[in-house]
Amino acid sequence: MESVTPSHYLILALCLFSIGFFGVLLRRNLLLLLMSLELMLNGINLALVTFSRTSLNLDGSIFVFFIMTVAASEVAVGLALLVALYKKRRSVFSEDMNLVSN
């Protein structure tokens, strides 16, 4: 049986980041856009933890803690903007985002 190596984790991190990146590029729904951004951040976090574990250094894990804090605040602000947009225009699509001021 083959053991899991750090390269397996890095491939998974690359897959998560790629799915999130293409989700950001291709989606018009703002909720799915936020979810894609979270996938990208999770891919980055997985890569940082992998590098941190292989080098026996805690710097990557500390960065992950701060990234998770920023991601939580991003979700709170993003969902608040999404609710405001939906109340104003009854739509959650990105092309309607510039209509919030009207």
PDB file of N, CA and C in Angstrom:
ATOM      1  N   MET A   1       0.847  -1.180   0.000  1.00  0.00           N
ATOM      2  CA  MET A   1       0.000   0.000   0.000  1.00  0.00           C
ATOM      3  C   MET A   1       0.892   1.243   0.000  1.00  0.00           C
ATOM      4  N   GLU A   2       0.519   2.189  -0.799  1.00  0.00           N
ATOM      5  CA  GLU A   2       1.291   3.414  -0.938  1.00  0.00           C
ATOM      6  C   GLU A   2       0.886   4.418   0.131  1.00  0.00           C
ATOM      7  N   SER A   3       1.861   5.113   0.698  1.00  0.00           N
ATOM      8  CA  SER A   3       1.547   6.120   1.709  1.00  0.00           C
ATOM      9  C   SER A   3       1.298   7.472   1.036  1.00  0.00           C
ATOM     10  N   VAL A   4       0.662   8.355   1.766  1.00  0.00           N
ATOM     11  CA  VAL A   4       0.348   9.686   1.248  1.00  0.00           C
ATOM     12  C   VAL A   4       1.574  10.575   1.463  1.00  0.00           C
ATOM     13  N   THR A   5       2.046  11.149   0.385  1.00  0.00           N
ATOM     14  CA  THR A   5       3.226  12.009   0.447  1.00  0.00           C
ATOM     15  C   THR A   5       2.807  13.478   0.337  1.00  0.00           C
ATOM     16  N   PRO A   6       3.702  14.401   0.625  1.00  0.00           N
ATOM     17  CA  PRO A   6       3.353  15.822   0.479  1.00  0.00           C
ATOM     18  C   PRO A   6       2.966  16.202  -0.949  1.00  0.00           C
ATOM     19  N   SER A   7       3.465  15.485  -1.937  1.00  0.00           N
ATOM     20  CA  SER A   7       3.080  15.812  -3.314  1.00  0.00           C
ATOM     21  C   SER A   7       1.599  15.540  -3.555  1.00  0.00           C
ATOM     22  N   HIS A   8       1.040  14.541  -2.866  1.00  0.00           N
ATOM     23  CA  HIS A   8      -0.404  14.294  -2.975  1.00  0.00           C
ATOM     24  C   HIS A   8      -1.198  15.486  -2.444  1.00  0.00           C
ATOM     25  N   TYR A   9      -0.755  16.023  -1.333  1.00  0.00           N
ATOM     26  CA  TYR A   9      -1.434  17.184  -0.768  1.00  0.00           C
ATOM     27  C   TYR A   9      -1.306  18.409  -1.675  1.00  0.00           C
ATOM     28  N   LEU A  10      -0.142  18.562  -2.287  1.00  0.00           N
ATOM     29  CA  LEU A  10       0.045  19.705  -3.183  1.00  0.00           C
ATOM     30  C   LEU A  10      -0.799  19.565  -4.448  1.00  0.00           C
ATOM     31  N   ILE A  11      -0.961  18.349  -4.935  1.00  0.00           N
ATOM     32  CA  ILE A  11      -1.840  18.136  -6.100  1.00  0.00           C
ATOM     33  C   ILE A  11      -3.285  18.458  -5.732  1.00  0.00           C
ATOM     34  N   LEU A  12      -3.703  18.031  -4.533  1.00  0.00           N
ATOM     35  CA  LEU A  12      -5.057  18.365  -4.073  1.00  0.00           C
ATOM     36  C   LEU A  12      -5.226  19.871  -3.904  1.00  0.00           C
ATOM     37  N   ALA A  13      -4.204  20.538  -3.372  1.00  0.00           N
ATOM     38  CA  ALA A  13      -4.266  21.999  -3.217  1.00  0.00           C
ATOM     39  C   ALA A  13      -4.367  22.679  -4.573  1.00  0.00           C
ATOM     40  N   LEU A  14      -3.616  22.176  -5.555  1.00  0.00           N
ATOM     41  CA  LEU A  14      -3.681  22.739  -6.898  1.00  0.00           C
ATOM     42  C   LEU A  14      -5.062  22.523  -7.523  1.00  0.00           C
ATOM     43  N   CYS A  15      -5.637  21.347  -7.305  1.00  0.00           N
ATOM     44  CA  CYS A  15      -6.988  21.074  -7.830  1.00  0.00           C
ATOM     45  C   CYS A  15      -8.019  21.999  -7.190  1.00  0.00           C
ATOM     46  N   LEU A  16      -7.945  22.185  -5.863  1.00  0.00           N
ATOM     47  CA  LEU A  16      -8.878  23.085  -5.186  1.00  0.00           C
ATOM     48  C   LEU A  16      -8.740  24.514  -5.697  1.00  0.00           C
ATOM     49  N   PHE A  17      -7.501  24.966  -5.817  1.00  0.00           N
ATOM     50  CA  PHE A  17      -7.271  26.328  -6.289  1.00  0.00           C
ATOM     51  C   PHE A  17      -7.763  26.488  -7.732  1.00  0.00           C
ATOM     52  N   SER A  18      -7.523  25.483  -8.577  1.00  0.00           N
ATOM     53  CA  SER A  18      -7.945  25.573  -9.975  1.00  0.00           C
ATOM     54  C   SER A  18      -9.461  25.597 -10.109  1.00  0.00           C
ATOM     55  N   ILE A  19     -10.143  24.755  -9.354  1.00  0.00           N
ATOM     56  CA  ILE A  19     -11.612  24.748  -9.388  1.00  0.00           C
ATOM     57  C   ILE A  19     -12.146  26.102  -8.944  1.00  0.00           C
ATOM     58  N   GLY A  20     -11.573  26.649  -7.877  1.00  0.00           N
ATOM     59  CA  GLY A  20     -11.992  27.970  -7.407  1.00  0.00           C
ATOM     60  C   GLY A  20     -11.697  29.060  -8.413  1.00  0.00           C
ATOM     61  N   PHE A  21     -10.533  28.994  -9.053  1.00  0.00           N
ATOM     62  CA  PHE A  21     -10.146  30.006 -10.031  1.00  0.00           C
ATOM     63  C   PHE A  21     -11.089  29.999 -11.229  1.00  0.00           C
ATOM     64  N   PHE A  22     -11.383  28.815 -11.754  1.00  0.00           N
ATOM     65  CA  PHE A  22     -12.301  28.751 -12.885  1.00  0.00           C
ATOM     66  C   PHE A  22     -13.727  29.099 -12.468  1.00  0.00           C
ATOM     67  N   GLY A  23     -14.081  28.839 -11.219  1.00  0.00           N
ATOM     68  CA  GLY A  23     -15.378  29.266 -10.719  1.00  0.00           C
ATOM     69  C   GLY A  23     -15.499  30.777 -10.673  1.00  0.00           C
ATOM     70  N   VAL A  24     -14.423  31.449 -10.279  1.00  0.00           N
ATOM     71  CA  VAL A  24     -14.427  32.916 -10.246  1.00  0.00           C
ATOM     72  C   VAL A  24     -14.529  33.478 -11.660  1.00  0.00           C
ATOM     73  N   LEU A  25     -13.839  32.846 -12.596  1.00  0.00           N
ATOM     74  CA  LEU A  25     -13.867  33.342 -13.975  1.00  0.00           C
ATOM     75  C   LEU A  25     -15.185  33.094 -14.686  1.00  0.00           C
ATOM     76  N   LEU A  26     -15.828  31.974 -14.403  1.00  0.00           N
ATOM     77  CA  LEU A  26     -16.969  31.550 -15.210  1.00  0.00           C
ATOM     78  C   LEU A  26     -18.336  31.829 -14.595  1.00  0.00           C
ATOM     79  N   ARG A  27     -18.421  32.005 -13.304  1.00  0.00           N
ATOM     80  CA  ARG A  27     -19.724  32.163 -12.650  1.00  0.00           C
ATOM     81  C   ARG A  27     -20.181  33.603 -12.647  1.00  0.00           C
ATOM     82  N   ARG A  28     -21.496  33.794 -12.744  1.00  0.00           N
ATOM     83  CA  ARG A  28     -22.077  35.132 -12.648  1.00  0.00           C
ATOM     84  C   ARG A  28     -22.819  35.324 -11.343  1.00  0.00           C
ATOM     85  N   ASN A  29     -23.183  34.240 -10.687  1.00  0.00           N
ATOM     86  CA  ASN A  29     -23.893  34.317  -9.417  1.00  0.00           C
ATOM     87  C   ASN A  29     -22.893  34.692  -8.325  1.00  0.00           C
ATOM     88  N   LEU A  30     -23.188  35.738  -7.564  1.00  0.00           N
ATOM     89  CA  LEU A  30     -22.245  36.228  -6.567  1.00  0.00           C
ATOM     90  C   LEU A  30     -22.042  35.251  -5.416  1.00  0.00           C
ATOM     91  N   LEU A  31     -23.066  34.481  -5.078  1.00  0.00           N
ATOM     92  CA  LEU A  31     -22.903  33.488  -4.022  1.00  0.00           C
ATOM     93  C   LEU A  31     -21.928  32.401  -4.453  1.00  0.00           C
ATOM     94  N   LEU A  32     -22.038  31.942  -5.688  1.00  0.00           N
ATOM     95  CA  LEU A  32     -21.088  30.953  -6.200  1.00  0.00           C
ATOM     96  C   LEU A  32     -19.698  31.552  -6.363  1.00  0.00           C
ATOM     97  N   LEU A  33     -19.631  32.837  -6.650  1.00  0.00           N
ATOM     98  CA  LEU A  33     -18.344  33.521  -6.737  1.00  0.00           C
ATOM     99  C   LEU A  33     -17.650  33.538  -5.378  1.00  0.00           C
ATOM    100  N   LEU A  34     -18.400  33.818  -4.316  1.00  0.00           N
ATOM    101  CA  LEU A  34     -17.834  33.790  -2.971  1.00  0.00           C
ATOM    102  C   LEU A  34     -17.385  32.382  -2.586  1.00  0.00           C
ATOM    103  N   MET A  35     -18.171  31.382  -2.973  1.00  0.00           N
ATOM    104  CA  MET A  35     -17.789  30.004  -2.684  1.00  0.00           C
ATOM    105  C   MET A  35     -16.517  29.620  -3.439  1.00  0.00           C
ATOM    106  N   SER A  36     -16.371  30.108  -4.647  1.00  0.00           N
ATOM    107  CA  SER A  36     -15.161  29.830  -5.427  1.00  0.00           C
ATOM    108  C   SER A  36     -13.943  30.498  -4.800  1.00  0.00           C
ATOM    109  N   LEU A  37     -14.124  31.701  -4.286  1.00  0.00           N
ATOM    110  CA  LEU A  37     -13.018  32.370  -3.584  1.00  0.00           C
ATOM    111  C   LEU A  37     -12.599  31.588  -2.346  1.00  0.00           C
ATOM    112  N   GLU A  38     -13.574  31.026  -1.639  1.00  0.00           N
ATOM    113  CA  GLU A  38     -13.258  30.211  -0.471  1.00  0.00           C
ATOM    114  C   GLU A  38     -12.501  28.946  -0.869  1.00  0.00           C
ATOM    115  N   LEU A  39     -12.858  28.351  -2.003  1.00  0.00           N
ATOM    116  CA  LEU A  39     -12.109  27.190  -2.489  1.00  0.00           C
ATOM    117  C   LEU A  39     -10.665  27.552  -2.796  1.00  0.00           C
ATOM    118  N   MET A  40     -10.464  28.714  -3.394  1.00  0.00           N
ATOM    119  CA  MET A  40      -9.104  29.162  -3.679  1.00  0.00           C
ATOM    120  C   MET A  40      -8.309  29.348  -2.386  1.00  0.00           C
ATOM    121  N   LEU A  41      -8.924  29.965  -1.390  1.00  0.00           N
ATOM    122  CA  LEU A  41      -8.239  30.172  -0.120  1.00  0.00           C
ATOM    123  C   LEU A  41      -7.945  28.850   0.577  1.00  0.00           C
ATOM    124  N   ASN A  42      -8.850  27.880   0.471  1.00  0.00           N
ATOM    125  CA  ASN A  42      -8.602  26.568   1.074  1.00  0.00           C
ATOM    126  C   ASN A  42      -7.466  25.836   0.367  1.00  0.00           C
ATOM    127  N   GLY A  43      -7.355  26.001  -0.941  1.00  0.00           N
ATOM    128  CA  GLY A  43      -6.235  25.408  -1.659  1.00  0.00           C
ATOM    129  C   GLY A  43      -4.912  26.016  -1.217  1.00  0.00           C
ATOM    130  N   ILE A  44      -4.897  27.321  -1.034  1.00  0.00           N
ATOM    131  CA  ILE A  44      -3.688  27.997  -0.553  1.00  0.00           C
ATOM    132  C   ILE A  44      -3.348  27.532   0.864  1.00  0.00           C
ATOM    133  N   ASN A  45      -4.376  27.422   1.714  1.00  0.00           N
ATOM    134  CA  ASN A  45      -4.144  26.969   3.077  1.00  0.00           C
ATOM    135  C   ASN A  45      -3.562  25.560   3.112  1.00  0.00           C
ATOM    136  N   LEU A  46      -4.080  24.674   2.284  1.00  0.00           N
ATOM    137  CA  LEU A  46      -3.574  23.305   2.247  1.00  0.00           C
ATOM    138  C   LEU A  46      -2.119  23.275   1.799  1.00  0.00           C
ATOM    139  N   ALA A  47      -1.764  24.080   0.821  1.00  0.00           N
ATOM    140  CA  ALA A  47      -0.373  24.140   0.367  1.00  0.00           C
ATOM    141  C   ALA A  47       0.534  24.700   1.464  1.00  0.00           C
ATOM    142  N   LEU A  48       0.078  25.732   2.157  1.00  0.00           N
ATOM    143  CA  LEU A  48       0.889  26.311   3.229  1.00  0.00           C
ATOM    144  C   LEU A  48       1.106  25.322   4.370  1.00  0.00           C
ATOM    145  N   VAL A  49       0.064  24.590   4.741  1.00  0.00           N
ATOM    146  CA  VAL A  49       0.208  23.605   5.811  1.00  0.00           C
ATOM    147  C   VAL A  49       1.130  22.474   5.366  1.00  0.00           C
ATOM    148  N   THR A  50       1.045  22.072   4.103  1.00  0.00           N
ATOM    149  CA  THR A  50       1.932  21.030   3.588  1.00  0.00           C
ATOM    150  C   THR A  50       3.385  21.473   3.650  1.00  0.00           C
ATOM    151  N   PHE A  51       3.660  22.693   3.194  1.00  0.00           N
ATOM    152  CA  PHE A  51       5.037  23.196   3.262  1.00  0.00           C
ATOM    153  C   PHE A  51       5.497  23.355   4.704  1.00  0.00           C
ATOM    154  N   SER A  52       4.588  23.754   5.576  1.00  0.00           N
ATOM    155  CA  SER A  52       4.919  23.924   6.978  1.00  0.00           C
ATOM    156  C   SER A  52       5.276  22.585   7.624  1.00  0.00           C
ATOM    157  N   ARG A  53       4.520  21.554   7.290  1.00  0.00           N
ATOM    158  CA  ARG A  53       4.788  20.231   7.876  1.00  0.00           C
ATOM    159  C   ARG A  53       6.056  19.597   7.333  1.00  0.00           C
ATOM    160  N   THR A  54       6.326  19.780   6.050  1.00  0.00           N
ATOM    161  CA  THR A  54       7.523  19.153   5.480  1.00  0.00           C
ATOM    162  C   THR A  54       8.801  19.847   5.926  1.00  0.00           C
ATOM    163  N   SER A  55       8.742  21.149   6.182  1.00  0.00           N
ATOM    164  CA  SER A  55       9.938  21.858   6.629  1.00  0.00           C
ATOM    165  C   SER A  55      10.052  21.918   8.146  1.00  0.00           C
ATOM    166  N   LEU A  56       9.074  21.344   8.850  1.00  0.00           N
ATOM    167  CA  LEU A  56       9.043  21.354  10.322  1.00  0.00           C
ATOM    168  C   LEU A  56       9.146  22.766  10.885  1.00  0.00           C
ATOM    169  N   ASN A  57       8.387  23.667  10.274  1.00  0.00           N
ATOM    170  CA  ASN A  57       8.375  25.064  10.653  1.00  0.00           C
ATOM    171  C   ASN A  57       6.919  25.488  10.805  1.00  0.00           C
ATOM    172  N   LEU A  58       6.615  26.296  11.787  1.00  0.00           N
ATOM    173  CA  LEU A  58       5.232  26.683  12.041  1.00  0.00           C
ATOM    174  C   LEU A  58       4.791  27.948  11.309  1.00  0.00           C
ATOM    175  N   ASP A  59       5.650  28.531  10.502  1.00  0.00           N
ATOM    176  CA  ASP A  59       5.298  29.784   9.827  1.00  0.00           C
ATOM    177  C   ASP A  59       4.092  29.623   8.907  1.00  0.00           C
ATOM    178  N   GLY A  60       4.022  28.534   8.164  1.00  0.00           N
ATOM    179  CA  GLY A  60       2.893  28.299   7.268  1.00  0.00           C
ATOM    180  C   GLY A  60       1.588  28.155   8.012  1.00  0.00           C
ATOM    181  N   SER A  61       1.627  27.486   9.155  1.00  0.00           N
ATOM    182  CA  SER A  61       0.408  27.311   9.955  1.00  0.00           C
ATOM    183  C   SER A  61      -0.072  28.629  10.537  1.00  0.00           C
ATOM    184  N   ILE A  62       0.856  29.510  10.866  1.00  0.00           N
ATOM    185  CA  ILE A  62       0.473  30.831  11.375  1.00  0.00           C
ATOM    186  C   ILE A  62      -0.181  31.650  10.271  1.00  0.00           C
ATOM    187  N   PHE A  63       0.359  31.565   9.054  1.00  0.00           N
ATOM    188  CA  PHE A  63      -0.260  32.243   7.921  1.00  0.00           C
ATOM    189  C   PHE A  63      -1.671  31.713   7.665  1.00  0.00           C
ATOM    190  N   VAL A  64      -1.852  30.404   7.825  1.00  0.00           N
ATOM    191  CA  VAL A  64      -3.173  29.803   7.629  1.00  0.00           C
ATOM    192  C   VAL A  64      -4.171  30.383   8.619  1.00  0.00           C
ATOM    193  N   PHE A  65      -3.750  30.571   9.846  1.00  0.00           N
ATOM    194  CA  PHE A  65      -4.633  31.166  10.849  1.00  0.00           C
ATOM    195  C   PHE A  65      -5.098  32.553  10.427  1.00  0.00           C
ATOM    196  N   PHE A  66      -4.182  33.372   9.929  1.00  0.00           N
ATOM    197  CA  PHE A  66      -4.552  34.720   9.499  1.00  0.00           C
ATOM    198  C   PHE A  66      -5.403  34.694   8.234  1.00  0.00           C
ATOM    199  N   ILE A  67      -5.121  33.775   7.318  1.00  0.00           N
ATOM    200  CA  ILE A  67      -5.929  33.659   6.102  1.00  0.00           C
ATOM    201  C   ILE A  67      -7.352  33.244   6.450  1.00  0.00           C
ATOM    202  N   MET A  68      -7.504  32.332   7.409  1.00  0.00           N
ATOM    203  CA  MET A  68      -8.856  31.919   7.817  1.00  0.00           C
ATOM    204  C   MET A  68      -9.613  33.070   8.467  1.00  0.00           C
ATOM    205  N   THR A  69      -8.903  33.916   9.206  1.00  0.00           N
ATOM    206  CA  THR A  69      -9.537  35.087   9.813  1.00  0.00           C
ATOM    207  C   THR A  69     -10.008  36.062   8.740  1.00  0.00           C
ATOM    208  N   VAL A  70      -9.171  36.309   7.761  1.00  0.00           N
ATOM    209  CA  VAL A  70      -9.544  37.210   6.666  1.00  0.00           C
ATOM    210  C   VAL A  70     -10.689  36.604   5.852  1.00  0.00           C
ATOM    211  N   ALA A  71     -10.670  35.291   5.641  1.00  0.00           N
ATOM    212  CA  ALA A  71     -11.736  34.632   4.882  1.00  0.00           C
ATOM    213  C   ALA A  71     -13.073  34.737   5.612  1.00  0.00           C
ATOM    214  N   ALA A  72     -13.056  34.612   6.927  1.00  0.00           N
ATOM    215  CA  ALA A  72     -14.307  34.731   7.685  1.00  0.00           C
ATOM    216  C   ALA A  72     -14.874  36.145   7.581  1.00  0.00           C
ATOM    217  N   SER A  73     -14.015  37.140   7.667  1.00  0.00           N
ATOM    218  CA  SER A  73     -14.512  38.512   7.535  1.00  0.00           C
ATOM    219  C   SER A  73     -14.955  38.795   6.105  1.00  0.00           C
ATOM    220  N   GLU A  74     -14.276  38.199   5.127  1.00  0.00           N
ATOM    221  CA  GLU A  74     -14.691  38.359   3.725  1.00  0.00           C
ATOM    222  C   GLU A  74     -16.081  37.785   3.499  1.00  0.00           C
ATOM    223  N   VAL A  75     -16.350  36.650   4.089  1.00  0.00           N
ATOM    224  CA  VAL A  75     -17.674  36.037   3.943  1.00  0.00           C
ATOM    225  C   VAL A  75     -18.739  36.913   4.591  1.00  0.00           C
ATOM    226  N   ALA A  76     -18.450  37.451   5.751  1.00  0.00           N
ATOM    227  CA  ALA A  76     -19.438  38.296   6.434  1.00  0.00           C
ATOM    228  C   ALA A  76     -19.757  39.540   5.613  1.00  0.00           C
ATOM    229  N   VAL A  77     -18.731  40.212   5.125  1.00  0.00           N
ATOM    230  CA  VAL A  77     -18.945  41.420   4.328  1.00  0.00           C
ATOM    231  C   VAL A  77     -19.595  41.068   2.986  1.00  0.00           C
ATOM    232  N   GLY A  78     -19.128  39.995   2.363  1.00  0.00           N
ATOM    233  CA  GLY A  78     -19.680  39.585   1.070  1.00  0.00           C
ATOM    234  C   GLY A  78     -21.143  39.203   1.156  1.00  0.00           C
ATOM    235  N   LEU A  79     -21.508  38.474   2.196  1.00  0.00           N
ATOM    236  CA  LEU A  79     -22.922  38.113   2.346  1.00  0.00           C
ATOM    237  C   LEU A  79     -23.787  39.322   2.675  1.00  0.00           C
ATOM    238  N   ALA A  80     -23.249  40.267   3.430  1.00  0.00           N
ATOM    239  CA  ALA A  80     -24.003  41.500   3.702  1.00  0.00           C
ATOM    240  C   ALA A  80     -24.246  42.280   2.409  1.00  0.00           C
ATOM    241  N   LEU A  81     -23.228  42.372   1.560  1.00  0.00           N
ATOM    242  CA  LEU A  81     -23.405  43.031   0.262  1.00  0.00           C
ATOM    243  C   LEU A  81     -24.382  42.271  -0.623  1.00  0.00           C
ATOM    244  N   LEU A  82     -24.325  40.960  -0.564  1.00  0.00           N
ATOM    245  CA  LEU A  82     -25.226  40.130  -1.361  1.00  0.00           C
ATOM    246  C   LEU A  82     -26.677  40.317  -0.931  1.00  0.00           C
ATOM    247  N   VAL A  83     -26.920  40.383   0.370  1.00  0.00           N
ATOM    248  CA  VAL A  83     -28.280  40.606   0.868  1.00  0.00           C
ATOM    249  C   VAL A  83     -28.769  41.995   0.461  1.00  0.00           C
ATOM    250  N   ALA A  84     -27.904  43.000   0.538  1.00  0.00           N
ATOM    251  CA  ALA A  84     -28.287  44.355   0.133  1.00  0.00           C
ATOM    252  C   ALA A  84     -28.601  44.416  -1.355  1.00  0.00           C
ATOM    253  N   LEU A  85     -27.811  43.718  -2.157  1.00  0.00           N
ATOM    254  CA  LEU A  85     -28.068  43.686  -3.599  1.00  0.00           C
ATOM    255  C   LEU A  85     -29.381  42.978  -3.899  1.00  0.00           C
ATOM    256  N   TYR A  86     -29.637  41.896  -3.207  1.00  0.00           N
ATOM    257  CA  TYR A  86     -30.878  41.167  -3.457  1.00  0.00           C
ATOM    258  C   TYR A  86     -32.098  41.977  -3.025  1.00  0.00           C
ATOM    259  N   LYS A  87     -31.991  42.689  -1.913  1.00  0.00           N
ATOM    260  CA  LYS A  87     -33.110  43.539  -1.474  1.00  0.00           C
ATOM    261  C   LYS A  87     -33.392  44.652  -2.466  1.00  0.00           C
ATOM    262  N   LYS A  88     -32.333  45.195  -3.043  1.00  0.00           N
ATOM    263  CA  LYS A  88     -32.479  46.338  -3.945  1.00  0.00           C
ATOM    264  C   LYS A  88     -32.994  45.915  -5.320  1.00  0.00           C
ATOM    265  N   ARG A  89     -32.414  44.856  -5.903  1.00  0.00           N
ATOM    266  CA  ARG A  89     -32.712  44.487  -7.295  1.00  0.00           C
ATOM    267  C   ARG A  89     -33.319  43.113  -7.495  1.00  0.00           C
ATOM    268  N   ARG A  90     -33.501  42.344  -6.424  1.00  0.00           N
ATOM    269  CA  ARG A  90     -34.052  40.985  -6.527  1.00  0.00           C
ATOM    270  C   ARG A  90     -33.222  40.108  -7.465  1.00  0.00           C
ATOM    271  N   SER A  91     -31.917  40.301  -7.406  1.00  0.00           N
ATOM    272  CA  SER A  91     -31.012  39.526  -8.244  1.00  0.00           C
ATOM    273  C   SER A  91     -29.683  39.366  -7.516  1.00  0.00           C
ATOM    274  N   VAL A  92     -29.011  38.240  -7.771  1.00  0.00           N
ATOM    275  CA  VAL A  92     -27.699  38.011  -7.179  1.00  0.00           C
ATOM    276  C   VAL A  92     -26.635  37.809  -8.259  1.00  0.00           C
ATOM    277  N   PHE A  93     -26.872  38.357  -9.425  1.00  0.00           N
ATOM    278  CA  PHE A  93     -25.918  38.206 -10.512  1.00  0.00           C
ATOM    279  C   PHE A  93     -24.950  39.371 -10.536  1.00  0.00           C
ATOM    280  N   SER A  94     -23.741  39.107 -10.976  1.00  0.00           N
ATOM    281  CA  SER A  94     -22.677  40.105 -10.896  1.00  0.00           C
ATOM    282  C   SER A  94     -22.909  41.290 -11.827  1.00  0.00           C
ATOM    283  N   GLU A  95     -23.628  41.115 -12.927  1.00  0.00           N
ATOM    284  CA  GLU A  95     -23.858  42.252 -13.818  1.00  0.00           C
ATOM    285  C   GLU A  95     -24.819  43.272 -13.215  1.00  0.00           C
ATOM    286  N   ASP A  96     -25.551  42.879 -12.175  1.00  0.00           N
ATOM    287  CA  ASP A  96     -26.443  43.814 -11.496  1.00  0.00           C
ATOM    288  C   ASP A  96     -25.775  44.537 -10.336  1.00  0.00           C
ATOM    289  N   MET A  97     -24.518  44.252 -10.091  1.00  0.00           N
ATOM    290  CA  MET A  97     -23.806  44.838  -8.944  1.00  0.00           C
ATOM    291  C   MET A  97     -23.647  46.353  -9.085  1.00  0.00           C
ATOM    292  N   ASN A  98     -23.469  46.870 -10.286  1.00  0.00           N
ATOM    293  CA  ASN A  98     -23.282  48.309 -10.455  1.00  0.00           C
ATOM    294  C   ASN A  98     -24.601  49.074 -10.301  1.00  0.00           C
ATOM    295  N   LEU A  99     -25.697  48.391 -10.137  1.00  0.00           N
ATOM    296  CA  LEU A  99     -26.992  49.042 -10.010  1.00  0.00           C
ATOM    297  C   LEU A  99     -27.390  49.284  -8.568  1.00  0.00           C
ATOM    298  N   VAL A 100     -26.534  48.977  -7.603  1.00  0.00           N
ATOM    299  CA  VAL A 100     -26.871  49.151  -6.198  1.00  0.00           C
ATOM    300  C   VAL A 100     -27.056  50.626  -5.855  1.00  0.00           C
ATOM    301  N   SER A 101     -26.294  51.500  -6.482  1.00  0.00           N
ATOM    302  CA  SER A 101     -26.362  52.921  -6.141  1.00  0.00           C
ATOM    303  C   SER A 101     -27.618  53.593  -6.683  1.00  0.00           C
ATOM    304  N   ASN A 102     -28.291  52.994  -7.649  1.00  0.00           N
ATOM    305  CA  ASN A 102     -29.492  53.621  -8.235  1.00  0.00           C
ATOM    306  C   ASN A 102     -30.687  53.477  -7.347  1.00  0.00           C
TER     307      ASN A 102
END
